[in-house]
Amino acid sequence: MPPERWSWLGEPLAIDFANTVRRRGSDYTELLSSGADLRAWAQHEASRVPDPSEYASDIRLDEVRELRDAIFALLLAAAQHEPASPGIEKQVNAALAAVPLIPQLRDGAVELVAPPDCDPLDELLARTAMSAVDLLPSPALAYCDAPSCGQFFMRSRRDQRWCGPACGTRTRVARHALRKGS
C-alpha cells in the first residue's frame, strides 16, 4: 500500500502549507496541482482551516500557490536568519488584511475568529499567513536541506539539523560518496 499523500502533516499550519511543494533531488513537485488537492489538504487540516468551496479552490488555485510560495520564502528567510524581501512581506500582509482574525476567549483558550461572512478560502489564506507570522521569531523553525527533502520542520532540540533520522543518513551517505568520488 503506498504511503498516504498527506502523512507528513502535523507541524504548525504555515509549515504544513509551505511543505505542499516537495523537493525531489533538485526539482520541486507541486502537491497542490488542482482544486481537489487543495480541498484534500484542507480536509486534513480541518481543525485549523475552513473547507474552501470547489469553485473557489479551482478558480483561485494560482493565488493559493502564490501565497504558499511567499510563505515558503518567508519561512526560508527566517530559518536562515535573513530578511525577507519586501515583496514577500507585501503578499503575506495582503492575506492578513483580507480577513481580520480577532482573538476571542473560548472555553478559557484564545481562538482567532474570522468574521462570519468571510469567504472560506480567504480565511484559509489568512490563517496560514498568521501562522507564518507567528513562527518568525521561533528559534525552533528550521529547513531540512538534506538531499531530496527541502521541508520545513520545528526542531525538537537546538542542534537538530534534519527533519528526521532518514534525512541525516541521506546527508551523511551523500557526503561520504562525494569524498570517495563515487
Protein backbone atom coordinates (compact mmCIF):
# COMPACT_ATOMS: atom_id res chain seq x y z
CA MET A 1 0.00 0.00 0.00
CA PRO A 2 1.51 3.40 -0.96
CA PRO A 3 2.07 5.93 1.82
CA GLU A 4 -0.79 8.33 2.48
CA ARG A 5 -0.24 11.53 0.46
CA TRP A 6 -0.52 13.89 3.44
CA SER A 7 1.16 11.65 6.04
CA TRP A 8 3.80 14.29 6.87
CA LEU A 9 1.25 16.85 8.13
CA GLY A 10 1.29 17.82 11.78
CA GLU A 11 3.64 20.79 12.06
CA PRO A 12 2.35 24.34 12.57
CA LEU A 13 -0.13 25.33 9.85
CA ALA A 14 2.27 27.57 7.89
CA ILE A 15 4.83 24.77 7.73
CA ASP A 16 2.25 22.26 6.53
CA PHE A 17 1.17 24.80 3.89
CA ALA A 18 4.73 25.62 2.75
CA ASN A 19 5.54 21.92 2.56
CA THR A 20 2.89 21.38 -0.14
CA VAL A 21 5.73 21.82 -2.59
CA ARG A 22 8.23 18.98 -2.11
CA ARG A 23 11.80 18.69 -3.29
CA ARG A 24 12.92 15.55 -5.08
CA GLY A 25 16.60 15.88 -5.90
CA SER A 26 16.93 19.41 -7.25
CA ASP A 27 13.36 19.52 -8.61
CA TYR A 28 10.24 20.56 -6.78
CA THR A 29 6.97 18.63 -7.01
CA GLU A 30 3.70 20.54 -6.74
CA LEU A 31 1.26 18.85 -4.37
CA LEU A 32 -1.47 21.45 -4.97
CA SER A 33 -1.88 20.78 -8.69
CA SER A 34 -5.67 21.06 -8.62
CA GLY A 35 -8.50 22.47 -6.57
CA ALA A 36 -9.23 18.91 -5.43
CA ASP A 37 -5.69 18.71 -4.00
CA LEU A 38 -6.24 21.94 -2.08
CA ARG A 39 -9.55 20.66 -0.71
CA ALA A 40 -7.92 17.35 0.31
CA TRP A 41 -5.16 19.25 2.13
CA ALA A 42 -7.78 21.46 3.83
CA GLN A 43 -9.75 18.37 4.92
CA HIS A 44 -6.62 17.04 6.64
CA GLU A 45 -6.20 20.45 8.30
CA ALA A 46 -9.94 20.72 9.13
CA SER A 47 -9.33 21.55 12.79
CA ARG A 48 -7.34 24.63 11.72
CA VAL A 49 -8.80 25.89 8.43
CA PRO A 50 -12.23 26.02 6.81
CA ASP A 51 -13.09 23.87 3.82
CA PRO A 52 -12.83 26.02 0.68
CA SER A 53 -15.59 25.68 -1.88
CA GLU A 54 -14.96 23.65 -5.01
CA TYR A 55 -15.46 26.72 -7.18
CA ALA A 56 -13.00 28.92 -5.23
CA SER A 57 -10.44 26.11 -4.98
CA ASP A 58 -10.37 25.68 -8.74
CA ILE A 59 -10.64 29.34 -9.79
CA ARG A 60 -8.18 30.76 -7.23
CA LEU A 61 -5.61 27.95 -7.17
CA ASP A 62 -2.88 30.18 -8.66
CA GLU A 63 -3.49 32.74 -5.90
CA VAL A 64 -3.23 30.00 -3.26
CA ARG A 65 0.08 28.76 -4.71
CA GLU A 66 1.44 32.32 -4.91
CA LEU A 67 0.76 32.83 -1.20
CA ARG A 68 2.20 29.39 -0.44
CA ASP A 69 5.38 30.35 -2.34
CA ALA A 70 5.54 33.65 -0.43
CA ILE A 71 5.15 31.84 2.90
CA PHE A 72 7.80 29.33 1.80
CA ALA A 73 10.21 32.21 1.03
CA LEU A 74 9.34 33.97 4.29
CA LEU A 75 9.94 30.85 6.38
CA LEU A 76 13.16 30.06 4.50
CA ALA A 77 14.49 33.58 5.15
CA ALA A 78 13.59 33.26 8.84
CA ALA A 79 15.15 29.78 9.13
CA GLN A 80 18.34 31.10 7.53
CA HIS A 81 18.30 34.25 9.71
CA GLU A 82 17.98 36.53 6.69
CA PRO A 83 15.49 39.31 5.99
CA ALA A 84 12.55 38.56 3.72
CA SER A 85 12.10 40.66 0.62
CA PRO A 86 9.54 43.48 0.82
CA GLY A 87 7.52 41.83 -1.98
CA ILE A 88 7.13 38.68 0.10
CA GLU A 89 6.04 40.69 3.12
CA LYS A 90 3.53 42.57 0.96
CA GLN A 91 1.90 39.29 -0.20
CA VAL A 92 1.65 37.92 3.34
CA ASN A 93 0.32 41.24 4.65
CA ALA A 94 -2.36 41.27 1.93
CA ALA A 95 -3.60 37.83 3.06
CA LEU A 96 -3.63 39.02 6.67
CA ALA A 97 -5.58 42.16 5.78
CA ALA A 98 -8.17 40.31 3.66
CA VAL A 99 -9.69 38.60 6.71
CA PRO A 100 -9.00 40.12 10.11
CA LEU A 101 -8.72 37.30 12.64
CA ILE A 102 -9.89 38.54 16.03
CA PRO A 103 -8.66 36.88 19.24
CA GLN A 104 -11.61 35.65 21.29
CA LEU A 105 -11.80 33.66 24.50
CA ARG A 106 -13.50 30.28 24.01
CA ASP A 107 -13.67 27.88 26.93
CA GLY A 108 -10.67 29.53 28.57
CA ALA A 109 -8.49 29.42 25.46
CA VAL A 110 -7.73 32.14 22.94
CA GLU A 111 -9.06 31.39 19.47
CA LEU A 112 -8.67 33.51 16.35
CA VAL A 113 -12.13 34.08 14.92
CA ALA A 114 -12.91 35.26 11.40
CA PRO A 115 -15.93 37.43 10.57
CA PRO A 116 -18.96 35.19 9.95
CA ASP A 117 -19.50 36.35 6.36
CA CYS A 118 -15.94 35.91 5.07
CA ASP A 119 -15.05 33.64 2.17
CA PRO A 120 -13.68 30.29 3.47
CA LEU A 121 -10.71 30.41 1.07
CA ASP A 122 -9.79 33.93 2.21
CA GLU A 123 -9.98 32.71 5.80
CA LEU A 124 -7.76 29.72 4.96
CA LEU A 125 -5.17 32.06 3.43
CA ALA A 126 -5.35 34.49 6.37
CA ARG A 127 -4.93 31.67 8.88
CA THR A 128 -1.86 30.29 7.08
CA ALA A 129 -0.36 33.79 6.81
CA MET A 130 -1.00 34.38 10.53
CA SER A 131 0.66 31.08 11.36
CA ALA A 132 3.72 32.11 9.33
CA VAL A 133 3.96 35.45 11.15
CA ASP A 134 3.68 33.64 14.48
CA LEU A 135 6.59 31.33 13.53
CA LEU A 136 9.05 34.05 12.50
CA PRO A 137 10.60 34.66 15.93
CA SER A 138 10.81 30.95 16.78
CA PRO A 139 14.35 29.58 17.13
CA ALA A 140 12.88 26.10 16.54
CA LEU A 141 11.90 26.89 12.93
CA ALA A 142 14.25 25.01 10.60
CA TYR A 143 14.67 23.96 6.98
CA CYS A 144 15.90 20.46 6.17
CA ASP A 145 18.40 20.75 3.36
CA ALA A 146 19.08 17.01 3.14
CA PRO A 147 19.16 15.53 -0.37
CA SER A 148 15.59 15.00 -1.63
CA CYS A 149 13.94 16.73 1.33
CA GLY A 150 13.69 20.52 1.44
CA GLN A 151 10.96 20.60 4.08
CA PHE A 152 10.41 22.93 6.99
CA PHE A 153 10.11 21.50 10.48
CA MET A 154 10.25 22.52 14.13
CA ARG A 155 13.42 21.43 15.90
CA SER A 156 12.94 19.30 18.98
CA ARG A 157 16.49 20.15 20.15
CA ARG A 158 18.88 23.03 19.46
CA ASP A 159 21.43 21.08 17.42
CA GLN A 160 18.90 19.29 15.20
CA ARG A 161 19.87 19.81 11.55
CA TRP A 162 17.49 17.48 9.71
CA CYS A 163 13.77 16.82 9.96
CA GLY A 164 14.34 13.16 10.78
CA PRO A 165 16.91 10.37 11.03
CA ALA A 166 16.44 9.30 7.38
CA CYS A 167 17.45 12.77 6.17
CA GLY A 168 20.53 12.73 8.39
CA THR A 169 21.50 9.34 6.97
CA ARG A 170 20.99 10.52 3.35
CA THR A 171 23.16 13.57 4.02
CA ARG A 172 25.98 11.53 5.55
CA VAL A 173 25.83 8.96 2.71
CA ALA A 174 25.94 11.75 0.10
CA ARG A 175 28.94 13.36 1.84
CA HIS A 176 30.73 10.02 2.01
CA ALA A 177 30.08 9.33 -1.67
CA LEU A 178 31.40 12.79 -2.56
CA ARG A 179 34.60 12.22 -0.56
CA LYS A 180 35.12 8.78 -2.12
CA GLY A 181 34.44 10.10 -5.61
CA SER A 182 31.71 7.59 -6.39
